[in-house]
Structure formats: structure tokens, C-alpha cells
């Protein structure tokens, strides 16, 4: 698994690789929060569980990351560890996921960049020979 920062003008683009689609979703969330703050300082005190569905892996990625960003804004939670499970429900994919973290403390977590949202621009999520890969752009 790997997180790679790509050049993308004023925004931030990330490419994630992993053995499974679930691993890519978790690494994408890790990359998102590592871009915003020092995730090594985040203690795993609280859990946020969610169930999301979408027509494709790419759409599920945007839904998942957008949901985590919304939780940060609404509840003040920041996350450093993630678990995910995907299953098919008819024509849609369903994600059952849990994010672990704690309330944002700017002094402790050393804020980096402010993320406004996840873009569909340049979005991809696909199976490759070595597993799965995804690419997405973060609006900053």
C-alpha cells in the first residue's frame, strides 16, 4: 500500500494503492487526514461508524471522504485509523466503515492545510495487476 502526492496546481492530488479496495479506501482516508494535520498525534479515543452506498468504487471513495470531512466540521473529530468492508447490494456498492480518532486540538494536532472538499476532477478507482489503485483531488 502506498500514498503518493501528485502535482496539481492549487489543489492536492493523491494516488493510493493497495491490495484490496477496502485497503485503498482506508489509505485514502489516512492520506486525507495526514494532509490536514499530524495524524501521529491523534489518539484513538472515539469511533465513528458509517454505512454508505454508491454505484461505483470511485463514487464510494468520494462519499466516504466527504462524510469524514463533514464529521470533522460537524463534530470536531479528526481521524487516524480506519476499517472498511465493501459488499454488493444489487447494482450498488455498500461501505460499512469505522474511523477512529479524537476531537481536534490545534495545538496537539499541528494543522497543515484546510480541505474544502473532494473533487470528481481526475477521479479514478480501478483494479490493477497488483491490487487496486485510486486517484482523487482534494480542494484546498
Foldseek 3Di string as FASTA:
>chain_A
DDWDWDDDPPWTKIKADDAELQVRLFVVLQVVLVQFWALVLWDQPDKDKDKDKDQDSLVVSQVSNQVQLVCCVPVQWGFNGKGWDWDDDPRMIMIIMMTGTGHDDCVRTVTHDDFDGWDPVPWDWDADPNHIMIMTITHD
